[in-house]
All heavy atoms as atom14 arrays in JSON, in Angstrom:
{
  "sequence": "LTAVFANLAEAVAEGRGKAQAAALRRTKTTTTARRLTDWRPGATDP",
  "atom14_mask": [
    [1, 1, 1, 1, 1, 1, 1, 1, 0, 0, 0, 0, 0, 0],
    [1, 1, 1, 1, 1, 1, 1, 0, 0, 0, 0, 0, 0, 0],
    [1, 1, 1, 1, 1, 0, 0, 0, 0, 0, 0, 0, 0, 0],
    [1, 1, 1, 1, 1, 1, 1, 0, 0, 0, 0, 0, 0, 0],
    [1, 1, 1, 1, 1, 1, 1, 1, 1, 1, 1, 0, 0, 0],
    [1, 1, 1, 1, 1, 0, 0, 0, 0, 0, 0, 0, 0, 0],
    [1, 1, 1, 1, 1, 1, 1, 1, 0, 0, 0, 0, 0, 0],
    [1, 1, 1, 1, 1, 1, 1, 1, 0, 0, 0, 0, 0, 0],
    [1, 1, 1, 1, 1, 0, 0, 0, 0, 0, 0, 0, 0, 0],
    [1, 1, 1, 1, 1, 1, 1, 1, 1, 0, 0, 0, 0, 0],
    [1, 1, 1, 1, 1, 0, 0, 0, 0, 0, 0, 0, 0, 0],
    [1, 1, 1, 1, 1, 1, 1, 0, 0, 0, 0, 0, 0, 0],
    [1, 1, 1, 1, 1, 0, 0, 0, 0, 0, 0, 0, 0, 0],
    [1, 1, 1, 1, 1, 1, 1, 1, 1, 0, 0, 0, 0, 0],
    [1, 1, 1, 1, 0, 0, 0, 0, 0, 0, 0, 0, 0, 0],
    [1, 1, 1, 1, 1, 1, 1, 1, 1, 1, 1, 0, 0, 0],
    [1, 1, 1, 1, 0, 0, 0, 0, 0, 0, 0, 0, 0, 0],
    [1, 1, 1, 1, 1, 1, 1, 1, 1, 0, 0, 0, 0, 0],
    [1, 1, 1, 1, 1, 0, 0, 0, 0, 0, 0, 0, 0, 0],
    [1, 1, 1, 1, 1, 1, 1, 1, 1, 0, 0, 0, 0, 0],
    [1, 1, 1, 1, 1, 0, 0, 0, 0, 0, 0, 0, 0, 0],
    [1, 1, 1, 1, 1, 0, 0, 0, 0, 0, 0, 0, 0, 0],
    [1, 1, 1, 1, 1, 0, 0, 0, 0, 0, 0, 0, 0, 0],
    [1, 1, 1, 1, 1, 1, 1, 1, 0, 0, 0, 0, 0, 0],
    [1, 1, 1, 1, 1, 1, 1, 1, 1, 1, 1, 0, 0, 0],
    [1, 1, 1, 1, 1, 1, 1, 1, 1, 1, 1, 0, 0, 0],
    [1, 1, 1, 1, 1, 1, 1, 0, 0, 0, 0, 0, 0, 0],
    [1, 1, 1, 1, 1, 1, 1, 1, 1, 0, 0, 0, 0, 0],
    [1, 1, 1, 1, 1, 1, 1, 0, 0, 0, 0, 0, 0, 0],
    [1, 1, 1, 1, 1, 1, 1, 0, 0, 0, 0, 0, 0, 0],
    [1, 1, 1, 1, 1, 1, 1, 0, 0, 0, 0, 0, 0, 0],
    [1, 1, 1, 1, 1, 1, 1, 0, 0, 0, 0, 0, 0, 0],
    [1, 1, 1, 1, 1, 0, 0, 0, 0, 0, 0, 0, 0, 0],
    [1, 1, 1, 1, 1, 1, 1, 1, 1, 1, 1, 0, 0, 0],
    [1, 1, 1, 1, 1, 1, 1, 1, 1, 1, 1, 0, 0, 0],
    [1, 1, 1, 1, 1, 1, 1, 1, 0, 0, 0, 0, 0, 0],
    [1, 1, 1, 1, 1, 1, 1, 0, 0, 0, 0, 0, 0, 0],
    [1, 1, 1, 1, 1, 1, 1, 1, 0, 0, 0, 0, 0, 0],
    [1, 1, 1, 1, 1, 1, 1, 1, 1, 1, 1, 1, 1, 1],
    [1, 1, 1, 1, 1, 1, 1, 1, 1, 1, 1, 0, 0, 0],
    [1, 1, 1, 1, 1, 1, 1, 0, 0, 0, 0, 0, 0, 0],
    [1, 1, 1, 1, 0, 0, 0, 0, 0, 0, 0, 0, 0, 0],
    [1, 1, 1, 1, 1, 0, 0, 0, 0, 0, 0, 0, 0, 0],
    [1, 1, 1, 1, 1, 1, 1, 0, 0, 0, 0, 0, 0, 0],
    [1, 1, 1, 1, 1, 1, 1, 1, 0, 0, 0, 0, 0, 0],
    [1, 1, 1, 1, 1, 1, 1, 0, 0, 0, 0, 0, 0, 0]
  ],
  "atom14_positions": [
    [[67.24, -6.0, 122.59], [66.5, -6.1, 123.84], [66.37, -4.7, 124.55], [65.37, -4.44, 125.13], [67.03, -7.23, 124.82], [66.68, -8.54, 124.27], [67.27, -9.64, 125.33], [65.19, -8.84, 124.18], [0.0, 0.0, 0.0], [0.0, 0.0, 0.0], [0.0, 0.0, 0.0], [0.0, 0.0, 0.0], [0.0, 0.0, 0.0], [0.0, 0.0, 0.0]],
    [[67.43, -4.09, 124.62], [67.47, -2.71, 125.18], [66.49, -1.76, 124.48], [65.54, -1.11, 125.19], [68.82, -2.05, 125.07], [69.72, -2.89, 125.74], [68.88, -0.59, 125.82], [0.0, 0.0, 0.0], [0.0, 0.0, 0.0], [0.0, 0.0, 0.0], [0.0, 0.0, 0.0], [0.0, 0.0, 0.0], [0.0, 0.0, 0.0], [0.0, 0.0, 0.0]],
    [[66.35, -1.77, 123.15], [65.37, -1.0, 122.57], [64.06, -1.42, 122.75], [63.1, -0.69, 122.94], [65.79, -1.01, 120.92], [0.0, 0.0, 0.0], [0.0, 0.0, 0.0], [0.0, 0.0, 0.0], [0.0, 0.0, 0.0], [0.0, 0.0, 0.0], [0.0, 0.0, 0.0], [0.0, 0.0, 0.0], [0.0, 0.0, 0.0], [0.0, 0.0, 0.0]],
    [[63.81, -2.84, 122.73], [62.53, -3.36, 122.92], [62.0, -3.0, 124.32], [60.79, -2.56, 124.65], [62.54, -4.88, 122.7], [61.14, -5.45, 123.16], [62.7, -5.21, 121.26], [0.0, 0.0, 0.0], [0.0, 0.0, 0.0], [0.0, 0.0, 0.0], [0.0, 0.0, 0.0], [0.0, 0.0, 0.0], [0.0, 0.0, 0.0], [0.0, 0.0, 0.0]],
    [[62.89, -3.12, 125.3], [62.52, -2.82, 126.69], [62.13, -1.4, 126.92], [61.22, -1.08, 127.69], [63.64, -3.14, 127.74], [63.79, -4.67, 127.71], [65.04, -5.23, 128.41], [63.01, -5.66, 127.37], [65.25, -6.58, 128.44], [63.11, -6.9, 127.51], [64.25, -7.37, 128.04], [0.0, 0.0, 0.0], [0.0, 0.0, 0.0], [0.0, 0.0, 0.0]],
    [[62.87, -0.52, 126.19], [62.51, 0.9, 126.29], [61.05, 1.18, 125.69], [60.34, 1.9, 126.31], [63.55, 1.7, 125.49], [0.0, 0.0, 0.0], [0.0, 0.0, 0.0], [0.0, 0.0, 0.0], [0.0, 0.0, 0.0], [0.0, 0.0, 0.0], [0.0, 0.0, 0.0], [0.0, 0.0, 0.0], [0.0, 0.0, 0.0], [0.0, 0.0, 0.0]],
    [[60.74, 0.39, 124.63], [59.53, 0.65, 124.01], [58.39, 0.0, 125.04], [57.27, 0.42, 125.01], [59.4, 0.02, 122.65], [60.21, 0.78, 121.67], [60.43, 2.07, 121.83], [60.67, 0.22, 120.62], [0.0, 0.0, 0.0], [0.0, 0.0, 0.0], [0.0, 0.0, 0.0], [0.0, 0.0, 0.0], [0.0, 0.0, 0.0], [0.0, 0.0, 0.0]],
    [[58.88, -1.06, 125.64], [57.82, -1.8, 126.49], [57.45, -0.91, 127.66], [56.29, -0.93, 128.01], [58.64, -3.1, 127.03], [57.72, -4.16, 127.68], [56.55, -4.57, 126.84], [58.49, -5.23, 128.25], [0.0, 0.0, 0.0], [0.0, 0.0, 0.0], [0.0, 0.0, 0.0], [0.0, 0.0, 0.0], [0.0, 0.0, 0.0], [0.0, 0.0, 0.0]],
    [[58.45, -0.12, 128.19], [58.01, 0.7, 129.24], [56.92, 1.67, 128.79], [55.9, 1.88, 129.51], [59.16, 1.6, 129.71], [0.0, 0.0, 0.0], [0.0, 0.0, 0.0], [0.0, 0.0, 0.0], [0.0, 0.0, 0.0], [0.0, 0.0, 0.0], [0.0, 0.0, 0.0], [0.0, 0.0, 0.0], [0.0, 0.0, 0.0], [0.0, 0.0, 0.0]],
    [[57.11, 2.28, 127.68], [56.1, 3.1, 127.02], [54.79, 2.55, 126.75], [53.69, 2.89, 126.96], [56.53, 3.94, 125.86], [55.68, 5.08, 125.28], [56.27, 5.7, 124.15], [57.38, 5.37, 123.73], [55.67, 6.67, 123.62], [0.0, 0.0, 0.0], [0.0, 0.0, 0.0], [0.0, 0.0, 0.0], [0.0, 0.0, 0.0], [0.0, 0.0, 0.0]],
    [[54.91, 1.31, 126.2], [53.78, 0.53, 125.8], [52.92, 0.05, 127.01], [51.64, 0.06, 127.08], [54.13, -0.74, 124.96], [0.0, 0.0, 0.0], [0.0, 0.0, 0.0], [0.0, 0.0, 0.0], [0.0, 0.0, 0.0], [0.0, 0.0, 0.0], [0.0, 0.0, 0.0], [0.0, 0.0, 0.0], [0.0, 0.0, 0.0], [0.0, 0.0, 0.0]],
    [[53.62, -0.35, 128.12], [52.89, -0.67, 129.24], [52.06, 0.57, 129.86], [50.97, 0.39, 130.28], [53.89, -1.17, 130.44], [53.15, -1.28, 131.67], [54.37, -2.59, 130.03], [0.0, 0.0, 0.0], [0.0, 0.0, 0.0], [0.0, 0.0, 0.0], [0.0, 0.0, 0.0], [0.0, 0.0, 0.0], [0.0, 0.0, 0.0], [0.0, 0.0, 0.0]],
    [[52.75, 1.72, 129.84], [52.07, 2.89, 130.35], [50.89, 3.15, 129.53], [49.84, 3.49, 130.01], [53.18, 4.08, 130.4], [0.0, 0.0, 0.0], [0.0, 0.0, 0.0], [0.0, 0.0, 0.0], [0.0, 0.0, 0.0], [0.0, 0.0, 0.0], [0.0, 0.0, 0.0], [0.0, 0.0, 0.0], [0.0, 0.0, 0.0], [0.0, 0.0, 0.0]],
    [[51.01, 3.18, 128.21], [49.98, 3.31, 127.29], [48.75, 2.35, 127.38], [47.64, 2.63, 127.31], [50.35, 3.4, 125.84], [51.3, 4.6, 125.47], [51.79, 4.48, 124.04], [51.62, 3.39, 123.45], [52.31, 5.54, 123.6], [0.0, 0.0, 0.0], [0.0, 0.0, 0.0], [0.0, 0.0, 0.0], [0.0, 0.0, 0.0], [0.0, 0.0, 0.0]],
    [[49.26, 1.06, 127.72], [48.32, -0.03, 127.86], [47.41, 0.16, 129.16], [46.23, -0.08, 129.04], [0.0, 0.0, 0.0], [0.0, 0.0, 0.0], [0.0, 0.0, 0.0], [0.0, 0.0, 0.0], [0.0, 0.0, 0.0], [0.0, 0.0, 0.0], [0.0, 0.0, 0.0], [0.0, 0.0, 0.0], [0.0, 0.0, 0.0], [0.0, 0.0, 0.0]],
    [[48.0, 0.8, 130.16], [47.11, 1.08, 131.31], [46.13, 2.2, 130.88], [44.99, 2.08, 131.38], [48.04, 1.53, 132.47], [48.93, 0.39, 132.92], [49.99, 0.94, 133.86], [49.57, 1.69, 135.11], [49.09, 1.19, 136.24], [49.11, -0.26, 136.22], [48.84, 1.86, 137.15], [0.0, 0.0, 0.0], [0.0, 0.0, 0.0], [0.0, 0.0, 0.0]],
    [[46.52, 3.2, 130.19], [45.56, 4.06, 129.64], [44.45, 3.53, 128.8], [43.29, 3.86, 128.9], [0.0, 0.0, 0.0], [0.0, 0.0, 0.0], [0.0, 0.0, 0.0], [0.0, 0.0, 0.0], [0.0, 0.0, 0.0], [0.0, 0.0, 0.0], [0.0, 0.0, 0.0], [0.0, 0.0, 0.0], [0.0, 0.0, 0.0], [0.0, 0.0, 0.0]],
    [[44.89, 2.47, 128.02], [43.87, 1.89, 127.06], [42.88, 1.08, 127.84], [41.68, 0.9, 127.48], [44.5, 1.0, 126.06], [45.3, 1.71, 125.01], [46.15, 0.73, 124.07], [46.81, 1.67, 123.02], [47.69, 0.74, 122.2], [0.0, 0.0, 0.0], [0.0, 0.0, 0.0], [0.0, 0.0, 0.0], [0.0, 0.0, 0.0], [0.0, 0.0, 0.0]],
    [[43.35, 0.57, 128.98], [42.3, -0.24, 129.92], [41.35, 0.8, 130.5], [40.22, 0.48, 130.56], [43.16, -0.72, 131.03], [0.0, 0.0, 0.0], [0.0, 0.0, 0.0], [0.0, 0.0, 0.0], [0.0, 0.0, 0.0], [0.0, 0.0, 0.0], [0.0, 0.0, 0.0], [0.0, 0.0, 0.0], [0.0, 0.0, 0.0], [0.0, 0.0, 0.0]],
    [[41.8, 1.98, 130.85], [40.86, 2.96, 131.3], [39.89, 3.28, 130.03], [38.58, 3.53, 130.34], [41.5, 4.28, 131.72], [42.44, 4.02, 132.93], [41.51, 4.08, 134.28], [40.29, 4.24, 134.08], [42.05, 3.7, 135.3], [0.0, 0.0, 0.0], [0.0, 0.0, 0.0], [0.0, 0.0, 0.0], [0.0, 0.0, 0.0], [0.0, 0.0, 0.0]],
    [[40.44, 3.55, 128.87], [39.62, 3.89, 127.66], [38.58, 2.79, 127.46], [37.52, 3.2, 126.98], [40.53, 4.12, 126.48], [0.0, 0.0, 0.0], [0.0, 0.0, 0.0], [0.0, 0.0, 0.0], [0.0, 0.0, 0.0], [0.0, 0.0, 0.0], [0.0, 0.0, 0.0], [0.0, 0.0, 0.0], [0.0, 0.0, 0.0], [0.0, 0.0, 0.0]],
    [[39.03, 1.61, 127.54], [38.03, 0.44, 127.25], [36.85, 0.55, 128.24], [35.72, 0.32, 127.85], [38.64, -0.89, 127.42], [0.0, 0.0, 0.0], [0.0, 0.0, 0.0], [0.0, 0.0, 0.0], [0.0, 0.0, 0.0], [0.0, 0.0, 0.0], [0.0, 0.0, 0.0], [0.0, 0.0, 0.0], [0.0, 0.0, 0.0], [0.0, 0.0, 0.0]],
    [[37.17, 0.81, 129.45], [36.09, 1.04, 130.41], [35.09, 2.18, 130.07], [33.87, 2.16, 130.34], [36.64, 1.25, 131.83], [0.0, 0.0, 0.0], [0.0, 0.0, 0.0], [0.0, 0.0, 0.0], [0.0, 0.0, 0.0], [0.0, 0.0, 0.0], [0.0, 0.0, 0.0], [0.0, 0.0, 0.0], [0.0, 0.0, 0.0], [0.0, 0.0, 0.0]],
    [[35.7, 3.23, 129.63], [34.86, 4.39, 129.24], [34.05, 4.1, 127.93], [32.91, 4.57, 127.74], [35.82, 5.63, 128.85], [36.49, 6.18, 130.1], [37.54, 7.09, 129.7], [35.45, 6.77, 131.1], [0.0, 0.0, 0.0], [0.0, 0.0, 0.0], [0.0, 0.0, 0.0], [0.0, 0.0, 0.0], [0.0, 0.0, 0.0], [0.0, 0.0, 0.0]],
    [[34.65, 3.36, 126.97], [33.87, 2.97, 125.69], [32.69, 2.15, 126.08], [31.71, 2.32, 125.33], [34.9, 2.18, 124.9], [35.69, 3.09, 123.93], [36.28, 2.28, 122.79], [37.02, 3.23, 121.93], [38.39, 3.4, 122.06], [38.93, 2.77, 123.1], [39.1, 4.12, 121.23], [0.0, 0.0, 0.0], [0.0, 0.0, 0.0], [0.0, 0.0, 0.0]],
    [[32.62, 1.35, 127.14], [31.59, 0.62, 127.41], [30.3, 1.53, 127.77], [29.18, 0.95, 127.78], [31.89, -0.36, 128.66], [32.62, -1.55, 128.16], [32.73, -2.59, 129.22], [33.59, -2.21, 130.46], [34.8, -2.49, 130.45], [35.49, -2.99, 129.6], [35.35, -2.04, 131.71], [0.0, 0.0, 0.0], [0.0, 0.0, 0.0], [0.0, 0.0, 0.0]],
    [[30.65, 2.71, 128.31], [29.66, 3.68, 128.61], [29.08, 4.31, 127.35], [28.04, 5.0, 127.39], [30.02, 4.73, 129.58], [30.98, 5.63, 128.96], [30.64, 3.98, 130.85], [0.0, 0.0, 0.0], [0.0, 0.0, 0.0], [0.0, 0.0, 0.0], [0.0, 0.0, 0.0], [0.0, 0.0, 0.0], [0.0, 0.0, 0.0], [0.0, 0.0, 0.0]],
    [[29.85, 4.33, 126.2], [29.39, 5.18, 125.03], [28.63, 4.14, 124.12], [29.09, 3.86, 123.01], [30.71, 5.69, 124.37], [30.42, 6.59, 123.31], [31.84, 7.24, 122.86], [31.52, 8.24, 121.7], [31.01, 7.75, 120.53], [0.0, 0.0, 0.0], [0.0, 0.0, 0.0], [0.0, 0.0, 0.0], [0.0, 0.0, 0.0], [0.0, 0.0, 0.0]],
    [[27.54, 3.68, 124.61], [26.71, 2.75, 123.81], [25.84, 3.45, 122.85], [25.55, 4.66, 123.16], [25.86, 1.84, 124.77], [25.16, 2.74, 125.55], [26.76, 0.96, 125.63], [0.0, 0.0, 0.0], [0.0, 0.0, 0.0], [0.0, 0.0, 0.0], [0.0, 0.0, 0.0], [0.0, 0.0, 0.0], [0.0, 0.0, 0.0], [0.0, 0.0, 0.0]],
    [[25.36, 2.83, 121.91], [24.44, 3.44, 120.93], [23.13, 3.55, 121.55], [22.49, 2.54, 122.01], [24.29, 2.56, 119.73], [25.51, 2.42, 119.12], [23.39, 3.26, 118.7], [0.0, 0.0, 0.0], [0.0, 0.0, 0.0], [0.0, 0.0, 0.0], [0.0, 0.0, 0.0], [0.0, 0.0, 0.0], [0.0, 0.0, 0.0], [0.0, 0.0, 0.0]],
    [[22.56, 4.73, 121.64], [21.3, 4.99, 122.27], [20.32, 5.65, 121.38], [20.81, 6.34, 120.45], [21.49, 5.81, 123.64], [22.05, 7.13, 123.21], [22.35, 5.2, 124.67], [0.0, 0.0, 0.0], [0.0, 0.0, 0.0], [0.0, 0.0, 0.0], [0.0, 0.0, 0.0], [0.0, 0.0, 0.0], [0.0, 0.0, 0.0], [0.0, 0.0, 0.0]],
    [[19.09, 5.61, 121.62], [18.07, 6.3, 120.95], [17.71, 7.5, 121.73], [17.29, 7.43, 122.92], [16.85, 5.35, 120.7], [17.21, 4.24, 119.99], [15.85, 6.0, 119.86], [0.0, 0.0, 0.0], [0.0, 0.0, 0.0], [0.0, 0.0, 0.0], [0.0, 0.0, 0.0], [0.0, 0.0, 0.0], [0.0, 0.0, 0.0], [0.0, 0.0, 0.0]],
    [[17.66, 8.53, 120.95], [17.32, 9.81, 121.66], [15.78, 10.26, 121.27], [15.48, 10.1, 120.28], [18.22, 11.0, 121.26], [0.0, 0.0, 0.0], [0.0, 0.0, 0.0], [0.0, 0.0, 0.0], [0.0, 0.0, 0.0], [0.0, 0.0, 0.0], [0.0, 0.0, 0.0], [0.0, 0.0, 0.0], [0.0, 0.0, 0.0], [0.0, 0.0, 0.0]],
    [[15.13, 10.89, 122.32], [13.93, 11.37, 122.09], [14.02, 12.99, 121.82], [14.01, 13.74, 122.78], [12.94, 11.09, 123.31], [12.75, 9.63, 123.52], [12.06, 9.41, 124.85], [10.88, 10.12, 125.05], [10.2, 10.11, 126.11], [10.71, 9.49, 127.23], [9.05, 10.84, 126.29], [0.0, 0.0, 0.0], [0.0, 0.0, 0.0], [0.0, 0.0, 0.0]],
    [[14.18, 13.29, 120.59], [14.44, 14.75, 120.29], [13.22, 15.48, 120.16], [12.24, 15.01, 119.55], [15.26, 14.85, 118.93], [15.56, 16.27, 118.6], [16.62, 16.26, 117.48], [16.2, 15.64, 116.28], [16.98, 15.47, 115.26], [18.33, 15.79, 115.38], [16.71, 14.86, 114.19], [0.0, 0.0, 0.0], [0.0, 0.0, 0.0], [0.0, 0.0, 0.0]],
    [[13.06, 16.62, 120.78], [11.97, 17.54, 120.76], [12.04, 18.48, 119.59], [13.0, 19.19, 119.49], [11.81, 18.34, 122.08], [11.71, 17.37, 123.4], [11.68, 18.39, 124.62], [10.54, 16.5, 123.43], [0.0, 0.0, 0.0], [0.0, 0.0, 0.0], [0.0, 0.0, 0.0], [0.0, 0.0, 0.0], [0.0, 0.0, 0.0], [0.0, 0.0, 0.0]],
    [[11.05, 18.51, 118.74], [11.17, 19.17, 117.63], [10.66, 20.68, 117.78], [11.01, 21.61, 116.86], [10.36, 18.62, 116.49], [9.0, 18.4, 116.84], [10.88, 17.12, 116.08], [0.0, 0.0, 0.0], [0.0, 0.0, 0.0], [0.0, 0.0, 0.0], [0.0, 0.0, 0.0], [0.0, 0.0, 0.0], [0.0, 0.0, 0.0], [0.0, 0.0, 0.0]],
    [[9.92, 20.99, 118.69], [9.27, 22.31, 118.85], [9.3, 22.79, 120.32], [8.3, 23.25, 120.86], [7.93, 22.39, 118.37], [6.86, 21.5, 118.97], [7.41, 20.56, 119.75], [5.75, 21.54, 118.81], [0.0, 0.0, 0.0], [0.0, 0.0, 0.0], [0.0, 0.0, 0.0], [0.0, 0.0, 0.0], [0.0, 0.0, 0.0], [0.0, 0.0, 0.0]],
    [[10.49, 22.41, 121.05], [10.51, 22.74, 122.45], [10.61, 24.22, 122.77], [11.44, 24.87, 121.91], [11.57, 21.98, 123.14], [11.55, 22.23, 124.61], [10.89, 21.64, 125.49], [12.4, 23.21, 125.3], [11.24, 22.04, 126.84], [12.13, 23.14, 126.58], [13.4, 24.15, 124.85], [12.76, 23.93, 127.67], [13.87, 24.99, 125.89], [13.69, 24.96, 127.14]],
    [[9.95, 24.77, 123.57], [10.13, 26.15, 124.18], [9.96, 26.0, 125.59], [9.22, 25.19, 126.2], [9.03, 27.04, 123.55], [9.02, 27.22, 121.95], [10.26, 28.1, 121.62], [10.33, 28.36, 120.2], [10.82, 27.6, 119.18], [11.3, 26.43, 119.64], [10.81, 27.86, 118.05], [0.0, 0.0, 0.0], [0.0, 0.0, 0.0], [0.0, 0.0, 0.0]],
    [[10.64, 27.04, 126.39], [10.48, 26.99, 127.78], [8.92, 27.07, 128.27], [8.25, 28.0, 127.59], [11.12, 28.3, 128.24], [12.22, 28.42, 127.18], [11.49, 28.04, 125.87], [0.0, 0.0, 0.0], [0.0, 0.0, 0.0], [0.0, 0.0, 0.0], [0.0, 0.0, 0.0], [0.0, 0.0, 0.0], [0.0, 0.0, 0.0], [0.0, 0.0, 0.0]],
    [[8.62, 26.16, 129.05], [7.25, 26.14, 129.55], [6.31, 25.47, 128.69], [5.06, 25.43, 128.91], [0.0, 0.0, 0.0], [0.0, 0.0, 0.0], [0.0, 0.0, 0.0], [0.0, 0.0, 0.0], [0.0, 0.0, 0.0], [0.0, 0.0, 0.0], [0.0, 0.0, 0.0], [0.0, 0.0, 0.0], [0.0, 0.0, 0.0], [0.0, 0.0, 0.0]],
    [[6.67, 24.94, 127.44], [5.8, 24.37, 126.45], [5.22, 23.03, 127.18], [5.96, 22.26, 127.81], [6.67, 23.98, 125.29], [0.0, 0.0, 0.0], [0.0, 0.0, 0.0], [0.0, 0.0, 0.0], [0.0, 0.0, 0.0], [0.0, 0.0, 0.0], [0.0, 0.0, 0.0], [0.0, 0.0, 0.0], [0.0, 0.0, 0.0], [0.0, 0.0, 0.0]],
    [[3.97, 22.76, 126.95], [3.31, 21.49, 127.38], [3.22, 20.52, 126.28], [2.72, 20.92, 125.14], [2.02, 21.83, 128.01], [1.13, 22.45, 126.92], [2.13, 22.83, 129.22], [0.0, 0.0, 0.0], [0.0, 0.0, 0.0], [0.0, 0.0, 0.0], [0.0, 0.0, 0.0], [0.0, 0.0, 0.0], [0.0, 0.0, 0.0], [0.0, 0.0, 0.0]],
    [[3.56, 19.29, 126.36], [3.52, 18.21, 125.46], [4.09, 18.61, 124.13], [3.4, 18.61, 123.09], [1.9, 17.89, 125.29], [1.81, 16.46, 124.63], [2.77, 15.72, 124.74], [0.68, 16.28, 124.02], [0.0, 0.0, 0.0], [0.0, 0.0, 0.0], [0.0, 0.0, 0.0], [0.0, 0.0, 0.0], [0.0, 0.0, 0.0], [0.0, 0.0, 0.0]],
    [[5.41, 18.86, 124.0], [5.98, 19.23, 122.73], [6.01, 17.9, 121.88], [6.22, 16.87, 122.51], [7.34, 19.8, 123.24], [7.67, 19.15, 124.59], [6.31, 18.91, 125.18], [0.0, 0.0, 0.0], [0.0, 0.0, 0.0], [0.0, 0.0, 0.0], [0.0, 0.0, 0.0], [0.0, 0.0, 0.0], [0.0, 0.0, 0.0], [0.0, 0.0, 0.0]]
  ]
}
């Protein structure tokens, strides 16, 4: 139990980080990008 409790302290700390990471992953959704193939500064209707 001493060994498990020691690991539990680290696991709880990591778990709090994973909760933050899960919130960040929700922002990393698959999106469609409108890529400009011939963009130049000042170009109109690329």
